[in-house]
C-alpha cells in the first residue's frame, strides 16, 4: 500500500479514528471495510509515520531530558534526578528516590552490598517493598567500628535495610581504617572476616555514596585526625571516594597509605557488580561524582538537578 490514493485512505482513516475519536466500527462502516482491516490500516499508518503516538509526561517526569542527557554522556543504565528547593533537603530527597529505584530493581535471593554515609542512611530509612521478597541479604562493603558516627556505619545501615525488607544483614567486624597494610592483611586472613569479603564478590546490587574531597566526608573526617600525615600522600590528587577508596579525577585508584589500610571492597571489585547505584548530590560532590562516572565505578546515578546540570557542563 504505497500509492497516493492508498496513502490518502490511510490518512483519512487515521484522521477519523484519532482526530474525530471515532470507533473502529464507525470507521469500518464509513469506508465499507472490515474492522480487522481498519486495525491493520491504523497499524500501517503508524509504521509509515502518518500517525505518531507520544506520551507527554513532562508534568509527572519533569527532569526526563536532563536524565537522558546524563545517561548518554556517561553511558549509564539509569539516572534519576530530584529537586530540593531547600539545600538541606537534598540528601533526604535523594534517599527517598533511591529507595524507590532500589525497590524496583531488587529481586528475590538478591545480595545487596551497602556502603556507609548519610545519604545511604537516608535510603535505608526510606526503604519499602510493595511485595514480599524472599532471601534478601545485605552485606556491608566497608568496615565500621568505634564511636565515629555510629548511625551511618555500614553495619548499622545494613541492619536497617534488613528490618525494613524482611531480609538478613551480615556484619563486618572491622574498623574503616586499620593501623597498617600488614594489619589489614592479617585481618583479611581471618576466616570470619574473609567470609564477608568473599560475599562481597557475589553482590548483585551495590548501593554506594560518592564522596567529594576528604574534607567533605563525614566518616573520613572522623578518621583524618587519627591518621599519620603520610597516609594521605598524593592528597592533592584525591578527587573523591567510593567505599572510602580514594580516586583521582579520572576515577582511578590512588596508591596511598590510606587506601592500603582501608577495610573495604576495592574499586576493581565494585566494577564487577552488575548494578552499582551511586546516590550522591550537592555541589561540593560534583567533581567526585564526575570522577566516579569517568572511571565507570557506577552505572546508575541518583542525584539532584543542580548537581546533574553541573555534570553536563563542559569539563
Protein backbone atom coordinates (compact mmCIF):
# COMPACT_ATOMS: atom_id res chain seq x y z
CA UNK A 1 0.00 0.00 0.00
CA UNK A 2 2.17 2.83 -1.29
CA UNK A 3 0.20 4.73 -3.99
CA UNK A 4 -1.04 8.26 -3.36
CA UNK A 5 -4.65 7.04 -3.22
CA UNK A 6 -3.72 4.38 -0.69
CA UNK A 7 -1.83 6.90 1.42
CA UNK A 8 -4.81 9.23 1.25
CA UNK A 9 -7.02 6.42 2.53
CA UNK A 10 -4.64 5.77 5.42
CA UNK A 11 -4.66 9.47 6.31
CA UNK A 12 -8.48 9.66 6.18
CA UNK A 13 -8.87 6.57 8.35
CA UNK A 14 -6.30 7.81 10.85
CA UNK A 15 -7.88 11.27 10.95
CA UNK A 16 -11.33 9.83 11.66
CA UNK A 17 -10.09 7.40 14.31
CA UNK A 18 -7.59 9.63 16.12
CA UNK A 19 -8.79 13.13 15.20
CA UNK A 20 -12.54 12.59 15.46
CA UNK A 21 -12.19 9.87 18.11
CA UNK A 22 -14.49 7.55 16.19
CA UNK A 23 -14.62 3.84 16.99
CA UNK A 24 -13.10 1.26 14.67
CA UNK A 25 -16.65 0.04 13.93
CA UNK A 26 -17.65 3.55 12.80
CA UNK A 27 -14.57 3.79 10.59
CA UNK A 28 -15.32 0.38 9.06
CA UNK A 29 -18.88 1.41 8.20
CA UNK A 30 -17.87 4.73 6.61
CA UNK A 31 -15.19 3.18 4.40
CA UNK A 32 -17.07 -0.06 3.84
CA UNK A 33 -14.25 -2.27 5.07
CA UNK A 34 -13.93 -4.84 7.84
CA UNK A 35 -13.00 -3.87 11.39
CA UNK A 36 -9.87 -6.06 11.21
CA UNK A 37 -8.77 -4.15 8.10
CA UNK A 38 -9.25 -0.85 9.95
CA UNK A 39 -6.90 -2.11 12.66
CA UNK A 40 -4.38 -3.17 10.00
CA UNK A 41 -4.54 0.23 8.26
CA UNK A 42 -4.09 2.10 11.56
CA UNK A 43 -1.03 0.00 12.31
CA UNK A 44 0.30 0.72 8.81
CA UNK A 45 -0.28 4.45 9.34
CA UNK A 46 1.87 4.31 12.47
CA UNK A 47 4.60 2.36 10.68
CA UNK A 48 4.75 4.96 7.88
CA UNK A 49 4.91 7.86 10.33
CA UNK A 50 1.49 9.21 9.35
CA UNK A 51 0.49 8.81 12.98
CA UNK A 52 2.84 9.43 15.89
CA UNK A 53 1.83 8.40 19.38
CA UNK A 54 3.61 10.40 22.03
CA UNK A 55 3.14 10.32 25.77
CA UNK A 56 3.58 13.76 27.33
CA UNK A 57 4.82 13.00 30.82
CA UNK A 58 6.60 16.30 31.49
CA UNK A 59 4.23 17.16 34.35
CA UNK A 60 4.92 13.86 36.07
CA UNK A 61 8.53 13.44 34.96
CA UNK A 62 9.86 16.99 34.59
CA UNK A 63 13.56 16.08 34.53
CA UNK A 64 13.44 13.34 31.91
CA UNK A 65 15.50 15.28 29.34
CA UNK A 66 18.14 16.07 31.95
CA UNK A 67 18.31 12.40 32.92
CA UNK A 68 18.55 11.24 29.31
CA UNK A 69 21.42 13.65 28.61
CA UNK A 70 23.35 12.33 31.60
CA UNK A 71 22.68 8.73 30.58
CA UNK A 72 24.04 9.41 27.12
CA UNK A 73 27.06 11.44 28.22
CA UNK A 74 28.29 8.93 30.79
CA UNK A 75 26.88 5.72 29.27
CA UNK A 76 24.70 4.94 32.29
CA UNK A 77 21.94 2.37 32.70
CA UNK A 78 19.67 4.81 34.53
CA UNK A 79 19.59 8.30 36.02
CA UNK A 80 17.06 9.77 38.45
CA UNK A 81 17.10 13.49 39.25
CA UNK A 82 15.26 15.12 42.14
CA UNK A 83 14.58 18.69 43.09
CA UNK A 84 15.04 20.11 46.56
CA UNK A 85 14.18 23.78 47.00
CA UNK A 86 15.96 23.72 50.36
CA UNK A 87 19.60 22.56 50.06
CA UNK A 88 19.28 20.92 53.47
CA UNK A 89 16.73 18.51 51.98
CA UNK A 90 18.93 17.25 49.13
CA UNK A 91 20.09 14.09 50.91
CA UNK A 92 16.59 13.24 52.08
CA UNK A 93 15.14 13.64 48.59
CA UNK A 94 17.94 11.59 47.03
CA UNK A 95 17.47 8.96 49.71
CA UNK A 96 13.75 8.70 49.03
CA UNK A 97 14.25 8.49 45.24
CA UNK A 98 17.00 5.89 45.61
CA UNK A 99 14.84 3.75 47.88
CA UNK A 100 12.08 3.78 45.25
CA UNK A 101 14.53 2.87 42.50
CA UNK A 102 16.09 0.08 44.56
CA UNK A 103 12.65 -1.37 45.31
CA UNK A 104 12.06 -1.69 41.55
CA UNK A 105 15.29 -3.50 40.67
CA UNK A 106 15.68 -5.71 43.71
CA UNK A 107 14.80 -9.38 43.18
CA UNK A 108 14.27 -12.38 45.49
CA UNK A 109 17.54 -14.03 46.56
CA UNK A 110 19.49 -10.83 45.86
CA UNK A 111 22.68 -9.97 47.69
CA UNK A 112 22.83 -6.21 48.16
CA UNK A 113 26.10 -4.52 49.04
CA UNK A 114 25.86 -1.33 51.09
CA UNK A 115 28.40 1.38 51.83
CA UNK A 116 28.23 3.85 54.71
CA UNK A 117 27.31 7.51 54.96
CA UNK A 118 24.47 9.94 55.49
CA UNK A 119 22.90 9.56 52.03
CA UNK A 120 22.93 5.75 52.18
CA UNK A 121 21.37 6.00 55.65
CA UNK A 122 18.56 8.09 54.15
CA UNK A 123 17.98 5.38 51.53
CA UNK A 124 17.66 2.71 54.22
CA UNK A 125 15.33 4.88 56.29
CA UNK A 126 13.02 5.33 53.29
CA UNK A 127 13.18 1.73 52.04
CA UNK A 128 9.87 -0.01 51.49
CA UNK A 129 8.89 -3.02 49.37
CA UNK A 130 5.40 -3.30 47.90
CA UNK A 131 5.76 -7.07 47.59
CA UNK A 132 7.46 -9.68 49.72
CA UNK A 133 11.00 -10.53 48.62
CA UNK A 134 12.44 -13.76 49.95
CA UNK A 135 16.07 -14.34 50.88
CA UNK A 136 17.43 -10.81 50.69
CA UNK A 137 20.92 -10.42 52.12
CA UNK A 138 22.51 -7.07 52.92
CA UNK A 139 26.29 -7.04 53.23
CA UNK A 140 28.46 -4.06 54.26
CA UNK A 141 31.05 -3.05 51.70
CA UNK A 142 33.11 -1.15 54.27
CA UNK A 143 34.14 -1.62 57.86
CA UNK A 144 32.75 0.38 60.73
CA UNK A 145 33.50 0.04 64.42
CA UNK A 146 34.01 2.56 67.16
CA UNK A 147 32.24 5.74 68.14
CA UNK A 148 32.60 7.63 64.86
CA UNK A 149 29.10 8.39 63.51
CA UNK A 150 27.69 5.03 64.54
CA UNK A 151 24.29 5.71 62.96
CA UNK A 152 25.74 5.88 59.43
CA UNK A 153 28.16 2.97 59.65
CA UNK A 154 27.61 0.25 57.06
CA UNK A 155 26.77 -2.43 59.64
CA UNK A 156 24.02 -0.25 61.08
CA UNK A 157 22.65 0.72 57.67
CA UNK A 158 22.55 -2.93 56.58
CA UNK A 159 20.58 -3.78 59.70
CA UNK A 160 18.04 -1.04 58.91
CA UNK A 161 17.64 -2.37 55.37
CA UNK A 162 17.14 -5.92 56.66
CA UNK A 163 14.50 -4.86 59.18
CA UNK A 164 12.58 -2.81 56.62
CA UNK A 165 12.58 -5.53 53.95
CA UNK A 166 12.40 -8.74 55.95
CA UNK A 167 15.89 -9.68 54.84
CA UNK A 168 19.02 -10.51 56.79
CA UNK A 169 22.17 -8.48 57.35
CA UNK A 170 25.78 -9.58 57.63
CA UNK A 171 28.21 -7.79 59.94
CA UNK A 172 31.77 -6.79 59.14
CA UNK A 173 33.56 -6.51 62.48
CA UNK A 174 36.47 -4.31 61.47
CA UNK A 175 37.09 -0.55 61.57
CA UNK A 176 37.12 1.62 58.48
CA UNK A 177 40.87 2.09 58.80
CA UNK A 178 43.46 -0.17 60.44
CA UNK A 179 46.95 0.69 61.67
CA UNK A 180 48.92 -0.64 58.73
CA UNK A 181 48.74 -2.53 55.45
CA UNK A 182 50.16 -5.53 57.30
CA UNK A 183 47.36 -5.34 59.88
CA UNK A 184 44.86 -5.33 57.03
CA UNK A 185 46.47 -8.42 55.52
CA UNK A 186 46.29 -10.24 58.86
CA UNK A 187 42.62 -9.36 59.35
CA UNK A 188 41.69 -10.43 55.83
CA UNK A 189 43.20 -13.84 56.56
CA UNK A 190 40.82 -14.36 59.49
CA UNK A 191 38.06 -16.74 58.43
CA UNK A 192 35.09 -14.77 59.84
CA UNK A 193 36.27 -11.61 58.06
CA UNK A 194 37.30 -13.39 54.88
CA UNK A 195 33.77 -14.84 54.59
CA UNK A 196 32.26 -11.36 54.44
CA UNK A 197 34.79 -10.15 51.87
CA UNK A 198 34.11 -13.28 49.80
CA UNK A 199 30.38 -12.49 49.98
CA UNK A 200 31.11 -9.02 48.57
CA UNK A 201 32.27 -10.74 45.38
CA UNK A 202 28.78 -12.22 44.95
CA UNK A 203 26.88 -8.96 45.29
CA UNK A 204 24.10 -8.42 42.72
CA UNK A 205 23.34 -4.77 43.52
CA UNK A 206 25.59 -2.26 45.25
CA UNK A 207 24.39 0.95 46.85
CA UNK A 208 27.18 3.45 47.38
CA UNK A 209 27.56 7.06 48.31
CA UNK A 210 30.11 9.14 46.45
CA UNK A 211 32.37 11.38 48.46
CA UNK A 212 33.98 14.58 47.30
CA UNK A 213 37.36 15.69 48.60
CA UNK A 214 38.03 14.04 52.00
CA UNK A 215 37.25 17.21 53.91
CA UNK A 216 33.58 16.91 52.89
CA UNK A 217 33.04 13.30 54.00
CA UNK A 218 31.63 12.73 57.50
CA UNK A 219 33.27 9.38 58.28
CA UNK A 220 36.54 10.24 56.58
CA UNK A 221 36.82 13.47 58.56
CA UNK A 222 36.31 11.47 61.74
CA UNK A 223 39.36 9.36 60.92
CA UNK A 224 41.61 12.04 59.44
CA UNK A 225 42.75 13.42 62.77
CA UNK A 226 43.98 9.94 63.72
CA UNK A 227 45.96 9.38 60.57
CA UNK A 228 49.66 9.98 60.14
CA UNK A 229 50.03 12.77 57.53
CA UNK A 230 51.92 10.37 55.28
CA UNK A 231 48.75 8.28 54.95
CA UNK A 232 47.42 10.91 52.59
CA UNK A 233 50.44 11.39 50.40
CA UNK A 234 49.26 12.46 46.96
CA UNK A 235 46.24 14.02 48.67
CA UNK A 236 46.26 16.83 46.10
CA UNK A 237 45.25 14.17 43.55
CA UNK A 238 42.27 12.98 45.62
CA UNK A 239 39.04 13.99 43.91
CA UNK A 240 36.61 11.71 45.70
CA UNK A 241 35.93 8.29 47.12
CA UNK A 242 33.63 5.31 46.82
CA UNK A 243 33.57 3.00 49.83
CA UNK A 244 36.45 5.06 51.28
CA UNK A 245 38.72 4.18 48.38
CA UNK A 246 40.24 7.47 47.24
CA UNK A 247 40.49 8.06 43.49
CA UNK A 248 41.78 10.75 41.15
CA UNK A 249 39.82 12.92 38.72
CA UNK A 250 39.55 10.02 36.29
CA UNK A 251 38.13 7.67 38.89
CA UNK A 252 41.41 5.76 39.14
CA UNK A 253 42.70 4.23 42.35
CA UNK A 254 45.41 6.29 44.06
CA UNK A 255 48.20 4.35 45.73
CA UNK A 256 48.24 5.95 49.18
CA UNK A 257 48.83 4.53 52.62
CA UNK A 258 45.17 5.28 53.40
CA UNK A 259 43.95 3.12 50.53
CA UNK A 260 46.30 0.33 51.55
CA UNK A 261 44.87 0.41 55.09
CA UNK A 262 41.16 0.90 54.42
CA UNK A 263 38.94 -2.10 55.18
CA UNK A 264 36.57 -2.06 52.23
CA UNK A 265 35.77 -3.63 48.90
CA UNK A 266 38.24 -2.35 46.31
CA UNK A 267 37.37 -0.37 43.19
CA UNK A 268 38.05 -3.19 40.75
CA UNK A 269 35.62 -5.47 42.59
CA UNK A 270 32.98 -2.72 42.53
CA UNK A 271 33.25 -2.56 38.74
CA UNK A 272 32.34 -6.26 38.52
CA UNK A 273 28.97 -5.79 40.27
CA UNK A 274 26.07 -5.85 37.77
CA UNK A 275 24.18 -2.88 39.22
CA UNK A 276 26.03 -0.16 41.12
CA UNK A 277 23.77 2.66 42.29
CA UNK A 278 25.55 5.88 43.17
CA UNK A 279 23.41 8.08 45.43
CA UNK A 280 25.03 11.46 45.86
CA UNK A 281 24.34 15.16 45.43
CA UNK A 282 25.37 18.66 46.38
CA UNK A 283 27.71 20.99 44.54
CA UNK A 284 30.66 20.05 46.79
CA UNK A 285 30.34 16.49 45.43
CA UNK A 286 30.26 17.38 41.71
CA UNK A 287 33.91 16.64 40.94
CA UNK A 288 33.85 13.44 42.97
CA UNK A 289 30.74 12.23 41.14
CA UNK A 290 32.20 13.26 37.78
CA UNK A 291 35.36 11.28 38.53
CA UNK A 292 33.35 8.21 39.57
CA UNK A 293 31.42 8.45 36.30
CA UNK A 294 34.61 8.79 34.26
CA UNK A 295 36.02 5.72 35.97
CA UNK A 296 32.77 3.78 35.39
CA UNK A 297 32.54 3.00 39.08
CA UNK A 298 28.73 3.24 38.97
CA UNK A 299 26.14 2.59 36.26
CA UNK A 300 23.10 4.15 37.95
CA UNK A 301 23.10 7.71 39.30
CA UNK A 302 20.56 9.25 41.67
CA UNK A 303 21.26 12.94 42.24
CA UNK A 304 19.74 16.41 42.43
CA UNK A 305 19.05 18.63 39.44
CA UNK A 306 21.69 21.24 40.28
CA UNK A 307 24.41 18.61 40.51
CA UNK A 308 23.12 17.00 37.30
CA UNK A 309 23.36 20.29 35.42
CA UNK A 310 26.93 20.81 36.61
CA UNK A 311 27.83 17.31 35.44
CA UNK A 312 26.58 18.18 31.95
CA UNK A 313 28.82 21.23 31.63
CA UNK A 314 31.96 21.04 29.53
CA UNK A 315 34.84 19.56 31.51
